[in-house]
Amino acid sequence: MPTGDLISIGLVFHAFVTLVVAIVAFILVAQLLSIPLNTTMKAYAFFWVTTGLLWFQNSIRNAFFGLGLLDFPRFFSSALSQSTVYLSGVPLFYYVGMKVFKSRRVAFLLALQTTIAGLIGSWLLFQPEGIIFEPTTQFTIESVANNVSGMIFRVEIGIIILLLIYDIFRRFKYPLNKIANEDKYEIIYSLAILLYTFLGMIDLMKIVNSWQLVIFRLLYCASFLTVYLTIRHQREEETKYLMEGHIG
């Protein structure tokens, strides 16, 4: 456990890992913003912005405690991080709503309900018993939300997972090689979020802890890199198509 005069190498390493996760998320956002985006994809990009902000906050908290600066406001920082998770649900629900229901009104209503749920959950987080701290180790200073805020999060993420699974499977057509290129990309975009939310559920359950948690969090980069590589491939295909069309 870190003290005021002891540097915890494990927590500093954890801070470095979460900073890498944040940087990869922001690189993905930069790649997304480098192409023309409609409203739906802007919501998709903003979801990854909030994700990067979440991991950047976690990196700062781990770094301060790892360096023995225990006057860092741990409660406020932890509650703010949990609130950022709720914030990420707003653009995510809008994106999924547009993909599944093809309706701005439905997408707006889905984003509105998660905004209300997030405000309630966030308000409870900042109450005296809103954050519960897990035992501190050489690698972790984790915390969990109170029961009500945690339940709100689990319900919201459960709805997202169901909608994402539906969106993915409805795009499959047989034979598989007949799937339109646009649908292939949409499937990958949804799979990336599904992977991220699945990892988030495991993270929430605290099945993994101590040094294993640090390594586990590197897996989040897989979802970011999936989207990044998909965007690059999509742009290359579109450029090739335009060039062939021009030559033809």
C-alpha atoms as a PDB file:
ATOM      1  CA  MET A   1       0.000   0.000   0.000  1.00  0.00           C
ATOM      2  CA  PRO A   2       1.415   3.432  -0.952  1.00  0.00           C
ATOM      3  CA  THR A   3       2.250   5.913   1.793  1.00  0.00           C
ATOM      4  CA  GLY A   4       3.243   9.555   1.706  1.00  0.00           C
ATOM      5  CA  ASP A   5       6.966   8.775   1.561  1.00  0.00           C
ATOM      6  CA  LEU A   6       6.860   5.658  -0.599  1.00  0.00           C
ATOM      7  CA  ILE A   7       6.562   5.466  -4.363  1.00  0.00           C
ATOM      8  CA  SER A   8       4.437   2.532  -5.533  1.00  0.00           C
ATOM      9  CA  ILE A   9       5.981   1.307  -8.784  1.00  0.00           C
ATOM     10  CA  GLY A  10       2.866  -0.807  -9.412  1.00  0.00           C
ATOM     11  CA  LEU A  11       0.519   2.185  -9.294  1.00  0.00           C
ATOM     12  CA  VAL A  12       2.872   4.268 -11.434  1.00  0.00           C
ATOM     13  CA  PHE A  13       2.900   1.443 -13.986  1.00  0.00           C
ATOM     14  CA  HIS A  14      -0.898   1.282 -13.780  1.00  0.00           C
ATOM     15  CA  ALA A  15      -0.984   5.043 -14.435  1.00  0.00           C
ATOM     16  CA  PHE A  16       1.210   4.540 -17.500  1.00  0.00           C
ATOM     17  CA  VAL A  17      -1.029   1.749 -18.840  1.00  0.00           C
ATOM     18  CA  THR A  18      -4.226   3.776 -18.412  1.00  0.00           C
ATOM     19  CA  LEU A  19      -2.512   6.757 -20.048  1.00  0.00           C
ATOM     20  CA  VAL A  20      -1.700   4.533 -23.041  1.00  0.00           C
ATOM     21  CA  VAL A  21      -5.369   3.484 -23.210  1.00  0.00           C
ATOM     22  CA  ALA A  22      -6.433   7.158 -23.136  1.00  0.00           C
ATOM     23  CA  ILE A  23      -3.913   8.138 -25.832  1.00  0.00           C
ATOM     24  CA  VAL A  24      -5.042   5.306 -28.132  1.00  0.00           C
ATOM     25  CA  ALA A  25      -8.659   6.429 -27.641  1.00  0.00           C
ATOM     26  CA  PHE A  26      -7.759  10.014 -28.579  1.00  0.00           C
ATOM     27  CA  ILE A  27      -5.803   8.798 -31.634  1.00  0.00           C
ATOM     28  CA  LEU A  28      -8.969   6.972 -32.709  1.00  0.00           C
ATOM     29  CA  VAL A  29     -10.995  10.172 -32.246  1.00  0.00           C
ATOM     30  CA  ALA A  30      -8.496  12.131 -34.348  1.00  0.00           C
ATOM     31  CA  GLN A  31      -8.823   9.510 -37.097  1.00  0.00           C
ATOM     32  CA  LEU A  32     -12.621   9.727 -36.938  1.00  0.00           C
ATOM     33  CA  LEU A  33     -12.590  13.526 -37.125  1.00  0.00           C
ATOM     34  CA  SER A  34     -10.312  13.404 -40.170  1.00  0.00           C
ATOM     35  CA  ILE A  35     -13.210  12.162 -42.310  1.00  0.00           C
ATOM     36  CA  PRO A  36     -16.625  13.725 -43.033  1.00  0.00           C
ATOM     37  CA  LEU A  37     -19.082  12.563 -40.370  1.00  0.00           C
ATOM     38  CA  ASN A  38     -22.858  12.605 -40.265  1.00  0.00           C
ATOM     39  CA  THR A  39     -24.704  13.232 -36.987  1.00  0.00           C
ATOM     40  CA  THR A  40     -24.758   9.532 -36.136  1.00  0.00           C
ATOM     41  CA  MET A  41     -21.007   9.112 -36.555  1.00  0.00           C
ATOM     42  CA  LYS A  42     -20.367  12.363 -34.659  1.00  0.00           C
ATOM     43  CA  ALA A  43     -22.162  10.761 -31.709  1.00  0.00           C
ATOM     44  CA  TYR A  44     -19.977   7.682 -32.212  1.00  0.00           C
ATOM     45  CA  ALA A  45     -16.841   9.865 -32.132  1.00  0.00           C
ATOM     46  CA  PHE A  46     -18.015  11.699 -28.998  1.00  0.00           C
ATOM     47  CA  PHE A  47     -18.487   8.364 -27.239  1.00  0.00           C
ATOM     48  CA  TRP A  48     -14.791   7.617 -27.769  1.00  0.00           C
ATOM     49  CA  VAL A  49     -13.920  11.153 -26.585  1.00  0.00           C
ATOM     50  CA  THR A  50     -15.617  10.485 -23.245  1.00  0.00           C
ATOM     51  CA  THR A  51     -13.859   7.120 -23.099  1.00  0.00           C
ATOM     52  CA  GLY A  52     -10.485   8.802 -23.510  1.00  0.00           C
ATOM     53  CA  LEU A  53     -11.379  11.335 -20.810  1.00  0.00           C
ATOM     54  CA  LEU A  54     -12.322   8.514 -18.432  1.00  0.00           C
ATOM     55  CA  TRP A  55      -8.990   6.732 -18.805  1.00  0.00           C
ATOM     56  CA  PHE A  56      -7.059   9.993 -18.623  1.00  0.00           C
ATOM     57  CA  GLN A  57      -8.705  10.721 -15.262  1.00  0.00           C
ATOM     58  CA  ASN A  58      -7.857   7.236 -14.037  1.00  0.00           C
ATOM     59  CA  SER A  59      -4.257   7.706 -15.138  1.00  0.00           C
ATOM     60  CA  ILE A  60      -3.932  10.938 -13.139  1.00  0.00           C
ATOM     61  CA  ARG A  61      -5.417   9.337 -10.015  1.00  0.00           C
ATOM     62  CA  ASN A  62      -3.118   6.310 -10.192  1.00  0.00           C
ATOM     63  CA  ALA A  63      -0.099   8.533 -10.826  1.00  0.00           C
ATOM     64  CA  PHE A  64      -0.752  10.795  -7.841  1.00  0.00           C
ATOM     65  CA  PHE A  65      -1.230   7.894  -5.459  1.00  0.00           C
ATOM     66  CA  GLY A  66       1.673   5.988  -6.967  1.00  0.00           C
ATOM     67  CA  LEU A  67       3.938   8.947  -6.289  1.00  0.00           C
ATOM     68  CA  GLY A  68       2.737   9.094  -2.690  1.00  0.00           C
ATOM     69  CA  LEU A  69       0.690  12.320  -3.038  1.00  0.00           C
ATOM     70  CA  LEU A  70      -2.140  11.173  -0.816  1.00  0.00           C
ATOM     71  CA  ASP A  71      -3.723  14.638  -0.522  1.00  0.00           C
ATOM     72  CA  PHE A  72      -5.186  14.057  -3.989  1.00  0.00           C
ATOM     73  CA  PRO A  73      -9.029  14.257  -3.764  1.00  0.00           C
ATOM     74  CA  ARG A  74      -9.664  10.550  -4.227  1.00  0.00           C
ATOM     75  CA  PHE A  75     -13.403  10.637  -3.490  1.00  0.00           C
ATOM     76  CA  PHE A  76     -14.152  13.506  -5.881  1.00  0.00           C
ATOM     77  CA  SER A  77     -11.912  12.022  -8.567  1.00  0.00           C
ATOM     78  CA  SER A  78     -13.545   8.592  -8.305  1.00  0.00           C
ATOM     79  CA  ALA A  79     -17.066  10.044  -8.401  1.00  0.00           C
ATOM     80  CA  LEU A  80     -16.115  12.172 -11.417  1.00  0.00           C
ATOM     81  CA  SER A  81     -14.763   9.133 -13.257  1.00  0.00           C
ATOM     82  CA  GLN A  82     -17.954   7.178 -12.586  1.00  0.00           C
ATOM     83  CA  SER A  83     -19.996  10.178 -13.806  1.00  0.00           C
ATOM     84  CA  THR A  84     -17.952  10.241 -17.018  1.00  0.00           C
ATOM     85  CA  VAL A  85     -19.125   6.683 -17.652  1.00  0.00           C
ATOM     86  CA  TYR A  86     -22.724   7.927 -17.480  1.00  0.00           C
ATOM     87  CA  LEU A  87     -21.817  10.792 -19.816  1.00  0.00           C
ATOM     88  CA  SER A  88     -20.497   8.333 -22.388  1.00  0.00           C
ATOM     89  CA  GLY A  89     -23.930   6.713 -22.496  1.00  0.00           C
ATOM     90  CA  VAL A  90     -25.573   9.804 -23.998  1.00  0.00           C
ATOM     91  CA  PRO A  91     -23.830   9.740 -27.422  1.00  0.00           C
ATOM     92  CA  LEU A  92     -23.748   5.935 -27.338  1.00  0.00           C
ATOM     93  CA  PHE A  93     -27.527   5.621 -26.978  1.00  0.00           C
ATOM     94  CA  TYR A  94     -28.022   8.195 -29.721  1.00  0.00           C
ATOM     95  CA  TYR A  95     -25.700   6.277 -32.041  1.00  0.00           C
ATOM     96  CA  VAL A  96     -27.310   2.908 -31.345  1.00  0.00           C
ATOM     97  CA  GLY A  97     -30.800   4.426 -31.576  1.00  0.00           C
ATOM     98  CA  MET A  98     -30.057   5.758 -35.047  1.00  0.00           C
ATOM     99  CA  LYS A  99     -28.532   2.456 -36.179  1.00  0.00           C
ATOM    100  CA  VAL A 100     -31.358   0.255 -34.905  1.00  0.00           C
ATOM    101  CA  PHE A 101     -34.460   2.434 -35.284  1.00  0.00           C
ATOM    102  CA  LYS A 102     -33.366   4.817 -38.076  1.00  0.00           C
ATOM    103  CA  SER A 103     -35.195   7.605 -36.243  1.00  0.00           C
ATOM    104  CA  ARG A 104     -33.790  10.835 -34.831  1.00  0.00           C
ATOM    105  CA  ARG A 105     -36.743  11.059 -32.461  1.00  0.00           C
ATOM    106  CA  VAL A 106     -36.160   7.592 -30.998  1.00  0.00           C
ATOM    107  CA  ALA A 107     -32.415   8.219 -30.810  1.00  0.00           C
ATOM    108  CA  PHE A 108     -33.063  11.507 -29.000  1.00  0.00           C
ATOM    109  CA  LEU A 109     -35.458   9.842 -26.539  1.00  0.00           C
ATOM    110  CA  LEU A 110     -32.928   7.096 -25.821  1.00  0.00           C
ATOM    111  CA  ALA A 111     -30.220   9.707 -25.232  1.00  0.00           C
ATOM    112  CA  LEU A 112     -32.629  11.688 -23.026  1.00  0.00           C
ATOM    113  CA  GLN A 113     -33.493   8.725 -20.823  1.00  0.00           C
ATOM    114  CA  THR A 114     -29.835   7.874 -20.260  1.00  0.00           C
ATOM    115  CA  THR A 115     -29.141  11.553 -19.489  1.00  0.00           C
ATOM    116  CA  ILE A 116     -31.810  11.502 -16.776  1.00  0.00           C
ATOM    117  CA  ALA A 117     -30.604   8.160 -15.451  1.00  0.00           C
ATOM    118  CA  GLY A 118     -27.014   9.432 -15.522  1.00  0.00           C
ATOM    119  CA  LEU A 119     -27.895  12.612 -13.614  1.00  0.00           C
ATOM    120  CA  ILE A 120     -29.602  10.546 -10.898  1.00  0.00           C
ATOM    121  CA  GLY A 121     -26.711   8.082 -10.746  1.00  0.00           C
ATOM    122  CA  SER A 122     -24.126  10.888 -10.690  1.00  0.00           C
ATOM    123  CA  TRP A 123     -25.951  12.797  -7.942  1.00  0.00           C
ATOM    124  CA  LEU A 124     -25.927   9.662  -5.790  1.00  0.00           C
ATOM    125  CA  LEU A 125     -22.218   9.152  -6.499  1.00  0.00           C
ATOM    126  CA  PHE A 126     -21.319  12.510  -4.960  1.00  0.00           C
ATOM    127  CA  GLN A 127     -23.229  11.759  -1.744  1.00  0.00           C
ATOM    128  CA  PRO A 128     -21.150  10.796   1.340  1.00  0.00           C
ATOM    129  CA  GLU A 129     -21.719   7.053   0.771  1.00  0.00           C
ATOM    130  CA  GLY A 130     -21.791   7.314  -3.024  1.00  0.00           C
ATOM    131  CA  ILE A 131     -18.386   5.721  -3.599  1.00  0.00           C
ATOM    132  CA  ILE A 132     -17.107   2.543  -1.975  1.00  0.00           C
ATOM    133  CA  PHE A 133     -13.332   2.067  -1.996  1.00  0.00           C
ATOM    134  CA  GLU A 134     -11.840  -1.319  -2.697  1.00  0.00           C
ATOM    135  CA  PRO A 135      -8.774  -2.470  -0.704  1.00  0.00           C
ATOM    136  CA  THR A 136      -5.653  -0.677  -1.956  1.00  0.00           C
ATOM    137  CA  THR A 137      -2.880  -2.829  -3.396  1.00  0.00           C
ATOM    138  CA  GLN A 138       0.524  -2.123  -4.902  1.00  0.00           C
ATOM    139  CA  PHE A 139      -1.159  -1.925  -8.307  1.00  0.00           C
ATOM    140  CA  THR A 140      -4.712  -0.681  -7.711  1.00  0.00           C
ATOM    141  CA  ILE A 141      -6.738   1.966  -5.893  1.00  0.00           C
ATOM    142  CA  GLU A 142     -10.101   0.894  -7.243  1.00  0.00           C
ATOM    143  CA  SER A 143     -13.547   2.032  -6.164  1.00  0.00           C
ATOM    144  CA  VAL A 144     -17.109   0.992  -6.991  1.00  0.00           C
ATOM    145  CA  ALA A 145     -20.359   2.919  -7.175  1.00  0.00           C
ATOM    146  CA  ASN A 146     -23.092   2.657  -4.538  1.00  0.00           C
ATOM    147  CA  ASN A 147     -25.747  -0.005  -5.120  1.00  0.00           C
ATOM    148  CA  VAL A 148     -28.307   2.259  -6.808  1.00  0.00           C
ATOM    149  CA  SER A 149     -25.815   3.967  -9.132  1.00  0.00           C
ATOM    150  CA  GLY A 150     -24.311   0.586  -9.948  1.00  0.00           C
ATOM    151  CA  MET A 151     -27.741  -0.862 -10.730  1.00  0.00           C
ATOM    152  CA  ILE A 152     -28.514   2.087 -13.053  1.00  0.00           C
ATOM    153  CA  PHE A 153     -25.249   1.482 -14.875  1.00  0.00           C
ATOM    154  CA  ARG A 154     -25.870  -2.253 -15.241  1.00  0.00           C
ATOM    155  CA  VAL A 155     -29.373  -1.698 -16.634  1.00  0.00           C
ATOM    156  CA  GLU A 156     -28.138   0.919 -19.114  1.00  0.00           C
ATOM    157  CA  ILE A 157     -25.217  -1.160 -20.329  1.00  0.00           C
ATOM    158  CA  GLY A 158     -27.486  -4.224 -20.581  1.00  0.00           C
ATOM    159  CA  ILE A 159     -29.836  -2.323 -22.905  1.00  0.00           C
ATOM    160  CA  ILE A 160     -26.883  -1.155 -25.004  1.00  0.00           C
ATOM    161  CA  ILE A 161     -25.513  -4.698 -25.338  1.00  0.00           C
ATOM    162  CA  LEU A 162     -28.902  -6.057 -26.457  1.00  0.00           C
ATOM    163  CA  LEU A 163     -29.344  -3.289 -29.042  1.00  0.00           C
ATOM    164  CA  LEU A 164     -25.807  -3.769 -30.339  1.00  0.00           C
ATOM    165  CA  ILE A 165     -26.267  -7.532 -30.688  1.00  0.00           C
ATOM    166  CA  TYR A 166     -29.522  -6.950 -32.565  1.00  0.00           C
ATOM    167  CA  ASP A 167     -27.869  -4.370 -34.848  1.00  0.00           C
ATOM    168  CA  ILE A 168     -25.002  -6.755 -35.636  1.00  0.00           C
ATOM    169  CA  PHE A 169     -27.080  -9.842 -36.420  1.00  0.00           C
ATOM    170  CA  ARG A 170     -29.717  -8.064 -38.486  1.00  0.00           C
ATOM    171  CA  ARG A 171     -26.982  -6.975 -40.920  1.00  0.00           C
ATOM    172  CA  PHE A 172     -25.877 -10.534 -41.673  1.00  0.00           C
ATOM    173  CA  LYS A 173     -27.148 -11.884 -44.974  1.00  0.00           C
ATOM    174  CA  TYR A 174     -26.435 -15.225 -46.544  1.00  0.00           C
ATOM    175  CA  PRO A 175     -24.201 -16.165 -48.124  1.00  0.00           C
ATOM    176  CA  LEU A 176     -21.885 -14.041 -46.000  1.00  0.00           C
ATOM    177  CA  ASN A 177     -19.855 -12.894 -48.991  1.00  0.00           C
ATOM    178  CA  LYS A 178     -22.981 -11.105 -50.216  1.00  0.00           C
ATOM    179  CA  ILE A 179     -22.971  -8.642 -47.306  1.00  0.00           C
ATOM    180  CA  ALA A 180     -22.642  -5.092 -48.606  1.00  0.00           C
ATOM    181  CA  ASN A 181     -19.404  -3.281 -47.779  1.00  0.00           C
ATOM    182  CA  GLU A 182     -21.338  -0.645 -45.838  1.00  0.00           C
ATOM    183  CA  ASP A 183     -22.898  -3.305 -43.622  1.00  0.00           C
ATOM    184  CA  LYS A 184     -19.499  -4.924 -43.058  1.00  0.00           C
ATOM    185  CA  TYR A 185     -18.146  -1.660 -41.692  1.00  0.00           C
ATOM    186  CA  GLU A 186     -21.243  -1.055 -39.580  1.00  0.00           C
ATOM    187  CA  ILE A 187     -20.898  -4.540 -38.076  1.00  0.00           C
ATOM    188  CA  ILE A 188     -17.286  -3.849 -37.124  1.00  0.00           C
ATOM    189  CA  TYR A 189     -18.146  -0.451 -35.600  1.00  0.00           C
ATOM    190  CA  SER A 190     -20.827  -2.087 -33.449  1.00  0.00           C
ATOM    191  CA  LEU A 191     -18.564  -5.036 -32.563  1.00  0.00           C
ATOM    192  CA  ALA A 192     -15.911  -2.606 -31.299  1.00  0.00           C
ATOM    193  CA  ILE A 193     -18.366  -1.014 -28.871  1.00  0.00           C
ATOM    194  CA  LEU A 194     -19.704  -4.437 -27.891  1.00  0.00           C
ATOM    195  CA  LEU A 195     -16.170  -5.566 -27.065  1.00  0.00           C
ATOM    196  CA  TYR A 196     -15.554  -2.401 -25.049  1.00  0.00           C
ATOM    197  CA  THR A 197     -18.801  -2.721 -23.062  1.00  0.00           C
ATOM    198  CA  PHE A 198     -18.145  -6.432 -22.438  1.00  0.00           C
ATOM    199  CA  LEU A 199     -14.721  -5.610 -21.015  1.00  0.00           C
ATOM    200  CA  GLY A 200     -16.348  -2.844 -18.979  1.00  0.00           C
ATOM    201  CA  MET A 201     -18.793  -5.327 -17.452  1.00  0.00           C
ATOM    202  CA  ILE A 202     -15.903  -7.586 -16.406  1.00  0.00           C
ATOM    203  CA  ASP A 203     -14.115  -4.537 -15.008  1.00  0.00           C
ATOM    204  CA  LEU A 204     -17.238  -3.544 -13.073  1.00  0.00           C
ATOM    205  CA  MET A 205     -17.594  -6.976 -11.478  1.00  0.00           C
ATOM    206  CA  LYS A 206     -14.000  -6.716 -10.151  1.00  0.00           C
ATOM    207  CA  ILE A 207     -13.294 -10.312 -11.115  1.00  0.00           C
ATOM    208  CA  VAL A 208      -9.796  -9.219 -12.092  1.00  0.00           C
ATOM    209  CA  ASN A 209      -7.688  -7.325  -9.557  1.00  0.00           C
ATOM    210  CA  SER A 210      -4.156  -6.313  -8.576  1.00  0.00           C
ATOM    211  CA  TRP A 211      -1.526  -6.627 -11.356  1.00  0.00           C
ATOM    212  CA  GLN A 212      -3.846  -8.746 -13.507  1.00  0.00           C
ATOM    213  CA  LEU A 213      -6.214  -5.758 -13.765  1.00  0.00           C
ATOM    214  CA  VAL A 214      -3.416  -3.599 -15.176  1.00  0.00           C
ATOM    215  CA  ILE A 215      -2.729  -6.098 -17.963  1.00  0.00           C
ATOM    216  CA  PHE A 216      -6.457  -6.659 -18.513  1.00  0.00           C
ATOM    217  CA  ARG A 217      -7.008  -2.961 -19.207  1.00  0.00           C
ATOM    218  CA  LEU A 218      -4.659  -3.106 -22.161  1.00  0.00           C
ATOM    219  CA  LEU A 219      -7.372  -5.166 -23.860  1.00  0.00           C
ATOM    220  CA  TYR A 220      -9.474  -2.000 -24.158  1.00  0.00           C
ATOM    221  CA  CYS A 221      -6.998  -0.857 -26.805  1.00  0.00           C
ATOM    222  CA  ALA A 222      -8.178  -3.752 -28.984  1.00  0.00           C
ATOM    223  CA  SER A 223     -11.599  -2.129 -29.435  1.00  0.00           C
ATOM    224  CA  PHE A 224     -10.000   1.243 -30.280  1.00  0.00           C
ATOM    225  CA  LEU A 225      -7.578  -0.291 -32.769  1.00  0.00           C
ATOM    226  CA  THR A 226     -10.402  -2.264 -34.391  1.00  0.00           C
ATOM    227  CA  VAL A 227     -12.221   0.962 -35.224  1.00  0.00           C
ATOM    228  CA  TYR A 228      -9.013   2.738 -36.238  1.00  0.00           C
ATOM    229  CA  LEU A 229      -8.017   0.021 -38.707  1.00  0.00           C
ATOM    230  CA  THR A 230     -11.569  -0.205 -40.042  1.00  0.00           C
ATOM    231  CA  ILE A 231     -11.644   3.522 -40.778  1.00  0.00           C
ATOM    232  CA  ARG A 232      -8.281   3.326 -42.530  1.00  0.00           C
ATOM    233  CA  HIS A 233      -9.423   0.361 -44.631  1.00  0.00           C
ATOM    234  CA  GLN A 234     -12.732   2.036 -45.471  1.00  0.00           C
ATOM    235  CA  ARG A 235     -10.960   5.199 -46.611  1.00  0.00           C
ATOM    236  CA  GLU A 236      -8.521   3.195 -48.738  1.00  0.00           C
ATOM    237  CA  GLU A 237     -11.373   1.309 -50.415  1.00  0.00           C
ATOM    238  CA  GLU A 238     -13.294   4.515 -51.110  1.00  0.00           C
ATOM    239  CA  THR A 239     -10.170   6.154 -52.557  1.00  0.00           C
ATOM    240  CA  LYS A 240      -9.519   3.101 -54.739  1.00  0.00           C
ATOM    241  CA  TYR A 241     -13.143   3.112 -55.934  1.00  0.00           C
ATOM    242  CA  LEU A 242     -13.012   6.805 -56.836  1.00  0.00           C
ATOM    243  CA  MET A 243      -9.728   6.366 -58.670  1.00  0.00           C
ATOM    244  CA  GLU A 244     -11.060   3.377 -60.638  1.00  0.00           C
ATOM    245  CA  GLY A 245     -14.229   5.301 -61.451  1.00  0.00           C
ATOM    246  CA  HIS A 246     -12.205   8.276 -62.651  1.00  0.00           C
ATOM    247  CA  ILE A 247      -9.955   6.111 -64.801  1.00  0.00           C
ATOM    248  CA  GLY A 248     -12.928   4.217 -66.191  1.00  0.00           C
END
